[in-house]
Amino acid sequence: MSVESSIFKLKKAPEKLDKNAEYRKELLTILQSIVKEINGALGEKLLADDGCVSRKGYDFSEEELAEQKEYTEKKEKKFIRKKFNLKDDTPITKELHAKWEREQQERLSELMEMAVMVILHKVLKDDYVVCRANKYDDYHGIDNIIVNKQTGDVLCTFDDVRDDTNAHGIYEWQKELHVEDSRGKSKMVYAFTFEENKLIRKEITNIPKFYLRFDKKQLEDMLKAIDYKNINSANNSELAIYNFIIESLASQINDLKKQGANNQALIKNLDTFESSLPNLRSHGQTK
């Protein structure tokens, strides 16, 4: 049995994932509690109810905000045309956009982002802020972010990838292509750090960017493993998934260093992430 399959093996036999709406409701409910806890500890609203970074509090000009809006709208129109197999010049009606948004809310990648945040928060909440990216950054390939509350280090961003590929390795090709294009780094516009224990909202560049790969079976197991009534601690199944996530990130460090060998800022940040691994691993120990 592979490491991945053994990590995700639960007592219950897997059931067909046909309850996306129910899982989403459960995830949104627990995320609202987590967001309330994070925002309450910070004394200000950093996150929206769904765990994404809120746009409030960022000092962008009207021109910059207009550019962000235009980019987001173009992306969504492209997604909608692809989803419904429409020609490039087909107008996108409000009704079609609303239908697409409803379907987006229950897509597996959306559930994955939320579930990853829930599990990482449960384990890391005392020392780190874990959250989902703002939609604008999400459309630039960032799903989640981990920030050290004490040092202010933005440890990493990562993109949650659902693997539905065949034996020909299409997923690996897509991942490597993306890593090559970005050289393992990301720019996060709606980012934040901490300076002297104070929250600072600002754009941050050269953040190490990793990929989390989950197949449908692993996602099913993850959704079943979560204790949706408890945000204060992680159960053993949640810890096992947490450890899988950390080791998945750790396994990519050397490749990202090779890709970004000429970017000293990225290498420095990768070293920071690597030096944090003992602490991250210690959080995953079974209580």
C-alpha atoms as a PDB file:
ATOM      1  CA  MET A   1       0.000   0.000   0.000  1.00  0.00           C
ATOM      2  CA  SER A   2       1.382   3.431  -0.914  1.00  0.00           C
ATOM      3  CA  VAL A   3       2.150   6.109   1.670  1.00  0.00           C
ATOM      4  CA  GLU A   4      -0.601   8.352   0.333  1.00  0.00           C
ATOM      5  CA  SER A   5      -3.297   5.668   0.430  1.00  0.00           C
ATOM      6  CA  SER A   6      -2.320   4.502   3.911  1.00  0.00           C
ATOM      7  CA  ILE A   7      -2.368   8.034   5.267  1.00  0.00           C
ATOM      8  CA  PHE A   8      -5.850   8.628   3.989  1.00  0.00           C
ATOM      9  CA  LYS A   9      -7.325   5.228   4.872  1.00  0.00           C
ATOM     10  CA  LEU A  10     -10.192   5.619   7.341  1.00  0.00           C
ATOM     11  CA  LYS A  11     -12.259   3.058   9.213  1.00  0.00           C
ATOM     12  CA  LYS A  12     -15.349   3.672   7.113  1.00  0.00           C
ATOM     13  CA  ALA A  13     -15.518   2.412   3.555  1.00  0.00           C
ATOM     14  CA  PRO A  14     -15.625   5.356   1.120  1.00  0.00           C
ATOM     15  CA  GLU A  15     -18.998   6.366  -0.216  1.00  0.00           C
ATOM     16  CA  LYS A  16     -19.680   8.038  -3.500  1.00  0.00           C
ATOM     17  CA  LEU A  17     -19.220  11.797  -3.198  1.00  0.00           C
ATOM     18  CA  ASP A  18     -22.731  12.959  -4.021  1.00  0.00           C
ATOM     19  CA  LYS A  19     -23.269  15.343  -1.131  1.00  0.00           C
ATOM     20  CA  ASN A  20     -21.295  18.367  -2.261  1.00  0.00           C
ATOM     21  CA  ALA A  21     -23.987  20.788  -1.126  1.00  0.00           C
ATOM     22  CA  GLU A  22     -24.110  19.230   2.349  1.00  0.00           C
ATOM     23  CA  TYR A  23     -20.328  19.261   2.669  1.00  0.00           C
ATOM     24  CA  ARG A  24     -20.232  22.887   1.548  1.00  0.00           C
ATOM     25  CA  LYS A  25     -22.800  23.834   4.169  1.00  0.00           C
ATOM     26  CA  GLU A  26     -20.800  22.078   6.889  1.00  0.00           C
ATOM     27  CA  LEU A  27     -17.556  23.675   5.725  1.00  0.00           C
ATOM     28  CA  LEU A  28     -19.015  27.163   5.552  1.00  0.00           C
ATOM     29  CA  THR A  29     -20.428  26.801   9.058  1.00  0.00           C
ATOM     30  CA  ILE A  30     -17.112  25.751  10.592  1.00  0.00           C
ATOM     31  CA  LEU A  31     -15.223  28.347   8.526  1.00  0.00           C
ATOM     32  CA  GLN A  32     -17.437  31.085   9.931  1.00  0.00           C
ATOM     33  CA  SER A  33     -16.406  30.017  13.432  1.00  0.00           C
ATOM     34  CA  ILE A  34     -12.738  29.926  12.429  1.00  0.00           C
ATOM     35  CA  VAL A  35     -12.952  33.346  10.779  1.00  0.00           C
ATOM     36  CA  LYS A  36     -14.615  34.778  13.863  1.00  0.00           C
ATOM     37  CA  GLU A  37     -11.760  33.385  15.958  1.00  0.00           C
ATOM     38  CA  ILE A  38      -9.026  34.753  13.662  1.00  0.00           C
ATOM     39  CA  ASN A  39     -10.594  38.180  13.187  1.00  0.00           C
ATOM     40  CA  GLY A  40     -11.349  38.385  16.888  1.00  0.00           C
ATOM     41  CA  ALA A  41      -7.747  37.636  17.835  1.00  0.00           C
ATOM     42  CA  LEU A  42      -6.499  40.252  15.362  1.00  0.00           C
ATOM     43  CA  GLY A  43      -9.043  42.837  16.442  1.00  0.00           C
ATOM     44  CA  GLU A  44     -10.015  43.588  12.845  1.00  0.00           C
ATOM     45  CA  LYS A  45     -11.653  41.975   9.846  1.00  0.00           C
ATOM     46  CA  LEU A  46      -8.886  40.356   7.839  1.00  0.00           C
ATOM     47  CA  LEU A  47     -11.020  37.520   6.488  1.00  0.00           C
ATOM     48  CA  ALA A  48     -14.473  37.275   4.959  1.00  0.00           C
ATOM     49  CA  ASP A  49     -16.924  34.652   6.236  1.00  0.00           C
ATOM     50  CA  ASP A  50     -15.735  32.052   3.707  1.00  0.00           C
ATOM     51  CA  GLY A  51     -12.135  32.263   4.954  1.00  0.00           C
ATOM     52  CA  CYS A  52     -10.868  34.345   2.025  1.00  0.00           C
ATOM     53  CA  VAL A  53      -8.805  37.498   2.545  1.00  0.00           C
ATOM     54  CA  SER A  54     -11.164  40.469   2.517  1.00  0.00           C
ATOM     55  CA  ARG A  55     -10.423  43.387   0.192  1.00  0.00           C
ATOM     56  CA  LYS A  56     -11.238  45.827   2.983  1.00  0.00           C
ATOM     57  CA  GLY A  57      -8.311  47.667   4.493  1.00  0.00           C
ATOM     58  CA  TYR A  58      -6.076  47.603   1.415  1.00  0.00           C
ATOM     59  CA  ASP A  59      -4.904  50.915   0.006  1.00  0.00           C
ATOM     60  CA  PHE A  60      -5.428  50.607  -3.734  1.00  0.00           C
ATOM     61  CA  SER A  61      -6.190  53.494  -6.051  1.00  0.00           C
ATOM     62  CA  GLU A  62      -9.409  53.612  -8.058  1.00  0.00           C
ATOM     63  CA  GLU A  63      -7.385  52.865 -11.181  1.00  0.00           C
ATOM     64  CA  GLU A  64      -5.814  49.780  -9.587  1.00  0.00           C
ATOM     65  CA  LEU A  65      -9.180  48.539  -8.356  1.00  0.00           C
ATOM     66  CA  ALA A  66     -10.639  49.041 -11.843  1.00  0.00           C
ATOM     67  CA  GLU A  67      -7.785  46.999 -13.344  1.00  0.00           C
ATOM     68  CA  GLN A  68      -8.371  44.216 -10.815  1.00  0.00           C
ATOM     69  CA  LYS A  69     -12.088  44.197 -11.592  1.00  0.00           C
ATOM     70  CA  GLU A  70     -11.430  44.066 -15.333  1.00  0.00           C
ATOM     71  CA  TYR A  71      -9.005  41.162 -14.912  1.00  0.00           C
ATOM     72  CA  THR A  72     -11.453  39.236 -12.718  1.00  0.00           C
ATOM     73  CA  GLU A  73     -14.341  39.759 -15.129  1.00  0.00           C
ATOM     74  CA  LYS A  74     -12.257  38.651 -18.123  1.00  0.00           C
ATOM     75  CA  LYS A  75     -11.195  35.518 -16.260  1.00  0.00           C
ATOM     76  CA  GLU A  76     -14.757  34.648 -15.315  1.00  0.00           C
ATOM     77  CA  LYS A  77     -16.031  35.161 -18.855  1.00  0.00           C
ATOM     78  CA  LYS A  78     -13.297  32.851 -20.104  1.00  0.00           C
ATOM     79  CA  PHE A  79     -14.228  30.221 -17.500  1.00  0.00           C
ATOM     80  CA  ILE A  80     -17.928  30.505 -18.351  1.00  0.00           C
ATOM     81  CA  ARG A  81     -17.373  30.151 -22.097  1.00  0.00           C
ATOM     82  CA  LYS A  82     -15.201  27.108 -21.518  1.00  0.00           C
ATOM     83  CA  LYS A  83     -17.686  25.585 -19.083  1.00  0.00           C
ATOM     84  CA  PHE A  84     -20.655  25.941 -21.426  1.00  0.00           C
ATOM     85  CA  ASN A  85     -18.695  25.466 -24.662  1.00  0.00           C
ATOM     86  CA  LEU A  86     -19.478  28.930 -26.003  1.00  0.00           C
ATOM     87  CA  LYS A  87     -17.767  30.905 -28.744  1.00  0.00           C
ATOM     88  CA  ASP A  88     -15.382  33.680 -27.766  1.00  0.00           C
ATOM     89  CA  ASP A  89     -17.765  36.399 -28.895  1.00  0.00           C
ATOM     90  CA  THR A  90     -20.831  34.984 -27.127  1.00  0.00           C
ATOM     91  CA  PRO A  91     -22.259  37.566 -24.673  1.00  0.00           C
ATOM     92  CA  ILE A  92     -22.363  36.441 -21.033  1.00  0.00           C
ATOM     93  CA  THR A  93     -25.783  37.183 -19.574  1.00  0.00           C
ATOM     94  CA  LYS A  94     -26.459  37.762 -15.878  1.00  0.00           C
ATOM     95  CA  GLU A  95     -28.482  34.549 -15.809  1.00  0.00           C
ATOM     96  CA  LEU A  96     -25.616  32.518 -17.287  1.00  0.00           C
ATOM     97  CA  HIS A  97     -23.124  34.090 -14.899  1.00  0.00           C
ATOM     98  CA  ALA A  98     -25.397  33.304 -11.935  1.00  0.00           C
ATOM     99  CA  LYS A  99     -25.765  29.686 -13.080  1.00  0.00           C
ATOM    100  CA  TRP A 100     -21.991  29.344 -13.372  1.00  0.00           C
ATOM    101  CA  GLU A 101     -21.486  30.832  -9.908  1.00  0.00           C
ATOM    102  CA  ARG A 102     -23.976  28.380  -8.369  1.00  0.00           C
ATOM    103  CA  GLU A 103     -22.135  25.468  -9.935  1.00  0.00           C
ATOM    104  CA  GLN A 104     -18.790  26.877  -8.841  1.00  0.00           C
ATOM    105  CA  GLN A 105     -19.885  26.890  -5.218  1.00  0.00           C
ATOM    106  CA  GLU A 106     -20.191  23.119  -5.131  1.00  0.00           C
ATOM    107  CA  ARG A 107     -17.208  22.177  -7.307  1.00  0.00           C
ATOM    108  CA  LEU A 108     -14.712  19.813  -5.707  1.00  0.00           C
ATOM    109  CA  SER A 109     -11.835  22.310  -5.865  1.00  0.00           C
ATOM    110  CA  GLU A 110     -13.886  24.769  -3.795  1.00  0.00           C
ATOM    111  CA  LEU A 111     -14.546  22.112  -1.149  1.00  0.00           C
ATOM    112  CA  MET A 112     -10.864  21.216  -1.215  1.00  0.00           C
ATOM    113  CA  GLU A 113      -9.715  24.782  -0.497  1.00  0.00           C
ATOM    114  CA  MET A 114     -12.078  25.065   2.453  1.00  0.00           C
ATOM    115  CA  ALA A 115     -11.235  21.649   3.880  1.00  0.00           C
ATOM    116  CA  VAL A 116      -7.487  22.327   3.697  1.00  0.00           C
ATOM    117  CA  MET A 117      -7.947  25.620   5.546  1.00  0.00           C
ATOM    118  CA  VAL A 118     -10.036  23.954   8.259  1.00  0.00           C
ATOM    119  CA  ILE A 119      -7.485  21.219   8.919  1.00  0.00           C
ATOM    120  CA  LEU A 120      -4.429  23.477   8.812  1.00  0.00           C
ATOM    121  CA  HIS A 121      -6.094  26.013  11.094  1.00  0.00           C
ATOM    122  CA  LYS A 122      -6.956  23.381  13.683  1.00  0.00           C
ATOM    123  CA  VAL A 123      -3.342  22.261  13.855  1.00  0.00           C
ATOM    124  CA  LEU A 124      -1.485  25.580  13.407  1.00  0.00           C
ATOM    125  CA  LYS A 125      -3.863  28.138  14.918  1.00  0.00           C
ATOM    126  CA  ASP A 126      -1.623  29.070  17.877  1.00  0.00           C
ATOM    127  CA  ASP A 127       1.374  30.088  15.754  1.00  0.00           C
ATOM    128  CA  TYR A 128       0.134  30.726  12.233  1.00  0.00           C
ATOM    129  CA  VAL A 129      -2.696  32.344  10.317  1.00  0.00           C
ATOM    130  CA  VAL A 130      -3.977  30.002   7.619  1.00  0.00           C
ATOM    131  CA  CYS A 131      -6.533  31.316   5.150  1.00  0.00           C
ATOM    132  CA  ARG A 132      -7.819  31.268   1.598  1.00  0.00           C
ATOM    133  CA  ALA A 133      -6.710  33.791  -0.999  1.00  0.00           C
ATOM    134  CA  ASN A 134      -8.872  36.635  -2.168  1.00  0.00           C
ATOM    135  CA  LYS A 135     -10.635  35.932  -5.476  1.00  0.00           C
ATOM    136  CA  TYR A 136      -8.208  38.181  -7.368  1.00  0.00           C
ATOM    137  CA  ASP A 137      -5.204  36.198  -6.115  1.00  0.00           C
ATOM    138  CA  ASP A 138      -7.133  32.949  -6.555  1.00  0.00           C
ATOM    139  CA  TYR A 139      -7.454  33.788 -10.245  1.00  0.00           C
ATOM    140  CA  HIS A 140      -3.656  34.064 -10.293  1.00  0.00           C
ATOM    141  CA  GLY A 141      -3.289  30.487  -9.048  1.00  0.00           C
ATOM    142  CA  ILE A 142      -3.215  30.913  -5.266  1.00  0.00           C
ATOM    143  CA  ASP A 143      -5.655  29.013  -3.065  1.00  0.00           C
ATOM    144  CA  ASN A 144      -4.238  29.072   0.461  1.00  0.00           C
ATOM    145  CA  ILE A 145      -1.563  30.898   2.450  1.00  0.00           C
ATOM    146  CA  ILE A 146       0.321  30.273   5.715  1.00  0.00           C
ATOM    147  CA  VAL A 147       1.717  33.227   7.693  1.00  0.00           C
ATOM    148  CA  ASN A 148       3.776  33.050  10.901  1.00  0.00           C
ATOM    149  CA  LYS A 149       2.148  35.313  13.483  1.00  0.00           C
ATOM    150  CA  GLN A 150       5.361  35.847  15.454  1.00  0.00           C
ATOM    151  CA  THR A 151       7.903  36.451  12.692  1.00  0.00           C
ATOM    152  CA  GLY A 152       5.573  37.749   9.990  1.00  0.00           C
ATOM    153  CA  ASP A 153       7.073  35.308   7.503  1.00  0.00           C
ATOM    154  CA  VAL A 154       4.706  34.424   4.680  1.00  0.00           C
ATOM    155  CA  LEU A 155       5.813  30.805   4.570  1.00  0.00           C
ATOM    156  CA  CYS A 156       4.121  29.785   1.369  1.00  0.00           C
ATOM    157  CA  THR A 157       1.154  29.834  -0.917  1.00  0.00           C
ATOM    158  CA  PHE A 158      -0.221  26.758  -2.570  1.00  0.00           C
ATOM    159  CA  ASP A 159      -2.596  25.736  -5.270  1.00  0.00           C
ATOM    160  CA  ASP A 160      -4.863  22.785  -4.513  1.00  0.00           C
ATOM    161  CA  VAL A 161      -4.920  20.537  -7.563  1.00  0.00           C
ATOM    162  CA  ARG A 162      -7.540  17.830  -8.043  1.00  0.00           C
ATOM    163  CA  ASP A 163      -6.025  14.908  -9.877  1.00  0.00           C
ATOM    164  CA  ASP A 164      -8.410  13.225 -12.317  1.00  0.00           C
ATOM    165  CA  THR A 165      -5.689  12.106 -14.661  1.00  0.00           C
ATOM    166  CA  ASN A 166      -4.899   8.815 -16.305  1.00  0.00           C
ATOM    167  CA  ALA A 167      -1.713   6.781 -16.340  1.00  0.00           C
ATOM    168  CA  HIS A 168      -0.056   9.075 -18.873  1.00  0.00           C
ATOM    169  CA  GLY A 169       0.948  11.630 -16.254  1.00  0.00           C
ATOM    170  CA  ILE A 170      -1.045  14.577 -17.582  1.00  0.00           C
ATOM    171  CA  TYR A 171      -1.249  16.054 -14.089  1.00  0.00           C
ATOM    172  CA  GLU A 172       2.525  15.970 -13.656  1.00  0.00           C
ATOM    173  CA  TRP A 173       2.963  17.710 -16.993  1.00  0.00           C
ATOM    174  CA  GLN A 174       0.541  20.462 -16.024  1.00  0.00           C
ATOM    175  CA  LYS A 175       2.184  20.952 -12.641  1.00  0.00           C
ATOM    176  CA  GLU A 176       5.700  21.110 -14.059  1.00  0.00           C
ATOM    177  CA  LEU A 177       4.616  23.511 -16.782  1.00  0.00           C
ATOM    178  CA  HIS A 178       3.107  25.853 -14.211  1.00  0.00           C
ATOM    179  CA  VAL A 179       6.140  25.632 -11.942  1.00  0.00           C
ATOM    180  CA  GLU A 180       8.412  26.361 -14.887  1.00  0.00           C
ATOM    181  CA  ASP A 181       6.351  29.372 -15.899  1.00  0.00           C
ATOM    182  CA  SER A 182       6.279  30.887 -12.408  1.00  0.00           C
ATOM    183  CA  ARG A 183       9.645  29.476 -11.284  1.00  0.00           C
ATOM    184  CA  GLY A 184       7.997  28.339  -8.087  1.00  0.00           C
ATOM    185  CA  LYS A 185       7.131  31.812  -6.861  1.00  0.00           C
ATOM    186  CA  SER A 186       3.962  33.812  -6.471  1.00  0.00           C
ATOM    187  CA  LYS A 187       2.976  37.426  -6.061  1.00  0.00           C
ATOM    188  CA  MET A 188       0.060  37.934  -3.731  1.00  0.00           C
ATOM    189  CA  VAL A 189      -1.677  41.301  -4.037  1.00  0.00           C
ATOM    190  CA  TYR A 190      -4.049  40.826  -1.107  1.00  0.00           C
ATOM    191  CA  ALA A 191      -1.341  39.545   1.210  1.00  0.00           C
ATOM    192  CA  PHE A 192      -0.429  40.358   4.804  1.00  0.00           C
ATOM    193  CA  THR A 193       2.321  40.001   7.350  1.00  0.00           C
ATOM    194  CA  PHE A 194       3.016  40.960  10.956  1.00  0.00           C
ATOM    195  CA  GLU A 195       5.403  43.615  12.214  1.00  0.00           C
ATOM    196  CA  GLU A 196       5.831  44.011  15.979  1.00  0.00           C
ATOM    197  CA  ASN A 197       2.685  41.911  16.458  1.00  0.00           C
ATOM    198  CA  LYS A 198       0.691  44.283  14.249  1.00  0.00           C
ATOM    199  CA  LEU A 199      -1.163  43.130  11.138  1.00  0.00           C
ATOM    200  CA  ILE A 200       0.201  44.757   7.980  1.00  0.00           C
ATOM    201  CA  ARG A 201      -1.734  44.458   4.732  1.00  0.00           C
ATOM    202  CA  LYS A 202       0.459  44.708   1.644  1.00  0.00           C
ATOM    203  CA  GLU A 203       1.450  43.081  -1.634  1.00  0.00           C
ATOM    204  CA  ILE A 204       4.173  40.460  -1.203  1.00  0.00           C
ATOM    205  CA  THR A 205       6.328  38.897  -3.910  1.00  0.00           C
ATOM    206  CA  ASN A 206       8.588  35.872  -4.240  1.00  0.00           C
ATOM    207  CA  ILE A 207       6.490  33.727  -1.939  1.00  0.00           C
ATOM    208  CA  PRO A 208       7.292  30.031  -2.368  1.00  0.00           C
ATOM    209  CA  LYS A 209       4.451  28.468  -4.322  1.00  0.00           C
ATOM    210  CA  PHE A 210       3.654  24.804  -3.868  1.00  0.00           C
ATOM    211  CA  TYR A 211       1.038  22.405  -5.187  1.00  0.00           C
ATOM    212  CA  LEU A 212      -1.209  20.101  -3.203  1.00  0.00           C
ATOM    213  CA  ARG A 213      -2.397  17.118  -5.176  1.00  0.00           C
ATOM    214  CA  PHE A 214      -5.577  15.317  -4.114  1.00  0.00           C
ATOM    215  CA  ASP A 215      -7.453  12.704  -6.062  1.00  0.00           C
ATOM    216  CA  LYS A 216     -11.187  12.262  -5.625  1.00  0.00           C
ATOM    217  CA  LYS A 217     -10.801   9.419  -3.132  1.00  0.00           C
ATOM    218  CA  GLN A 218      -8.469  11.464  -0.929  1.00  0.00           C
ATOM    219  CA  LEU A 219     -10.856  14.395  -1.018  1.00  0.00           C
ATOM    220  CA  GLU A 220     -13.745  12.151  -0.007  1.00  0.00           C
ATOM    221  CA  ASP A 221     -11.692  10.831   2.913  1.00  0.00           C
ATOM    222  CA  MET A 222     -10.692  14.340   3.947  1.00  0.00           C
ATOM    223  CA  LEU A 223     -14.274  15.586   3.978  1.00  0.00           C
ATOM    224  CA  LYS A 224     -15.328  12.584   6.072  1.00  0.00           C
ATOM    225  CA  ALA A 225     -12.408  12.944   8.461  1.00  0.00           C
ATOM    226  CA  ILE A 226     -13.176  16.514   9.528  1.00  0.00           C
ATOM    227  CA  ASP A 227     -14.870  17.028  12.874  1.00  0.00           C
ATOM    228  CA  TYR A 228     -17.172  19.874  11.887  1.00  0.00           C
ATOM    229  CA  LYS A 229     -18.198  20.605  15.472  1.00  0.00           C
ATOM    230  CA  ASN A 230     -14.717  21.291  16.821  1.00  0.00           C
ATOM    231  CA  ILE A 231     -12.297  24.078  15.843  1.00  0.00           C
ATOM    232  CA  ASN A 232     -10.095  23.791  18.923  1.00  0.00           C
ATOM    233  CA  SER A 233      -8.131  20.628  18.138  1.00  0.00           C
ATOM    234  CA  ALA A 234      -7.494  18.075  15.416  1.00  0.00           C
ATOM    235  CA  ASN A 235      -8.431  14.414  15.669  1.00  0.00           C
ATOM    236  CA  ASN A 236      -6.017  11.688  14.573  1.00  0.00           C
ATOM    237  CA  SER A 237      -7.487  11.459  11.064  1.00  0.00           C
ATOM    238  CA  GLU A 238      -7.145  15.213  10.618  1.00  0.00           C
ATOM    239  CA  LEU A 239      -3.558  15.061  11.903  1.00  0.00           C
ATOM    240  CA  ALA A 240      -2.758  12.338   9.375  1.00  0.00           C
ATOM    241  CA  ILE A 241      -4.035  14.532   6.554  1.00  0.00           C
ATOM    242  CA  TYR A 242      -2.147  17.526   7.970  1.00  0.00           C
ATOM    243  CA  ASN A 243       1.094  15.518   7.964  1.00  0.00           C
ATOM    244  CA  PHE A 244       0.457  14.415   4.388  1.00  0.00           C
ATOM    245  CA  ILE A 245       0.060  18.076   3.376  1.00  0.00           C
ATOM    246  CA  ILE A 246       3.274  19.193   5.102  1.00  0.00           C
ATOM    247  CA  GLU A 247       5.312  16.347   3.621  1.00  0.00           C
ATOM    248  CA  SER A 248       3.850  17.059   0.187  1.00  0.00           C
ATOM    249  CA  LEU A 249       5.023  20.669   0.449  1.00  0.00           C
ATOM    250  CA  ALA A 250       8.429  19.632   1.798  1.00  0.00           C
ATOM    251  CA  SER A 251       8.976  17.214  -1.092  1.00  0.00           C
ATOM    252  CA  GLN A 252       8.828  20.090  -3.589  1.00  0.00           C
ATOM    253  CA  ILE A 253      11.505  22.322  -2.021  1.00  0.00           C
ATOM    254  CA  ASN A 254      14.508  21.054  -3.981  1.00  0.00           C
ATOM    255  CA  ASP A 255      12.705  21.271  -7.317  1.00  0.00           C
ATOM    256  CA  LEU A 256      11.584  24.819  -6.582  1.00  0.00           C
ATOM    257  CA  LYS A 257      15.124  25.814  -5.602  1.00  0.00           C
ATOM    258  CA  LYS A 258      16.364  24.514  -8.941  1.00  0.00           C
ATOM    259  CA  GLN A 259      13.627  26.337 -10.835  1.00  0.00           C
ATOM    260  CA  GLY A 260      14.332  29.620  -9.025  1.00  0.00           C
ATOM    261  CA  ALA A 261      18.097  29.293  -8.696  1.00  0.00           C
ATOM    262  CA  ASN A 262      18.680  32.817 -10.034  1.00  0.00           C
ATOM    263  CA  ASN A 263      16.114  34.441  -7.753  1.00  0.00           C
ATOM    264  CA  GLN A 264      17.854  35.103  -4.456  1.00  0.00           C
ATOM    265  CA  ALA A 265      14.723  36.496  -2.793  1.00  0.00           C
ATOM    266  CA  LEU A 266      12.821  33.310  -3.590  1.00  0.00           C
ATOM    267  CA  ILE A 267      15.701  31.097  -2.429  1.00  0.00           C
ATOM    268  CA  LYS A 268      15.839  33.004   0.852  1.00  0.00           C
ATOM    269  CA  ASN A 269      12.118  32.496   1.367  1.00  0.00           C
ATOM    270  CA  LEU A 270      12.389  28.815   0.495  1.00  0.00           C
ATOM    271  CA  ASP A 271      15.145  28.520   3.103  1.00  0.00           C
ATOM    272  CA  THR A 272      12.824  30.160   5.621  1.00  0.00           C
ATOM    273  CA  PHE A 273      10.115  27.661   4.812  1.00  0.00           C
ATOM    274  CA  GLU A 274      12.570  24.779   5.037  1.00  0.00           C
ATOM    275  CA  SER A 275      13.808  25.959   8.427  1.00  0.00           C
ATOM    276  CA  SER A 276      10.217  26.028   9.661  1.00  0.00           C
ATOM    277  CA  LEU A 277       9.627  22.363   8.819  1.00  0.00           C
ATOM    278  CA  PRO A 278      10.675  20.967  12.247  1.00  0.00           C
ATOM    279  CA  ASN A 279       8.129  23.255  13.881  1.00  0.00           C
ATOM    280  CA  LEU A 280       5.432  22.415  11.343  1.00  0.00           C
ATOM    281  CA  ARG A 281       6.099  18.700  11.789  1.00  0.00           C
ATOM    282  CA  SER A 282       6.006  18.955  15.576  1.00  0.00           C
ATOM    283  CA  HIS A 283       2.491  20.384  15.339  1.00  0.00           C
ATOM    284  CA  GLY A 284       1.389  17.196  13.559  1.00  0.00           C
ATOM    285  CA  GLN A 285       2.368  14.837  16.330  1.00  0.00           C
ATOM    286  CA  THR A 286      -0.473  12.755  17.739  1.00  0.00           C
ATOM    287  CA  LYS A 287      -1.593  14.106  21.077  1.00  0.00           C
END
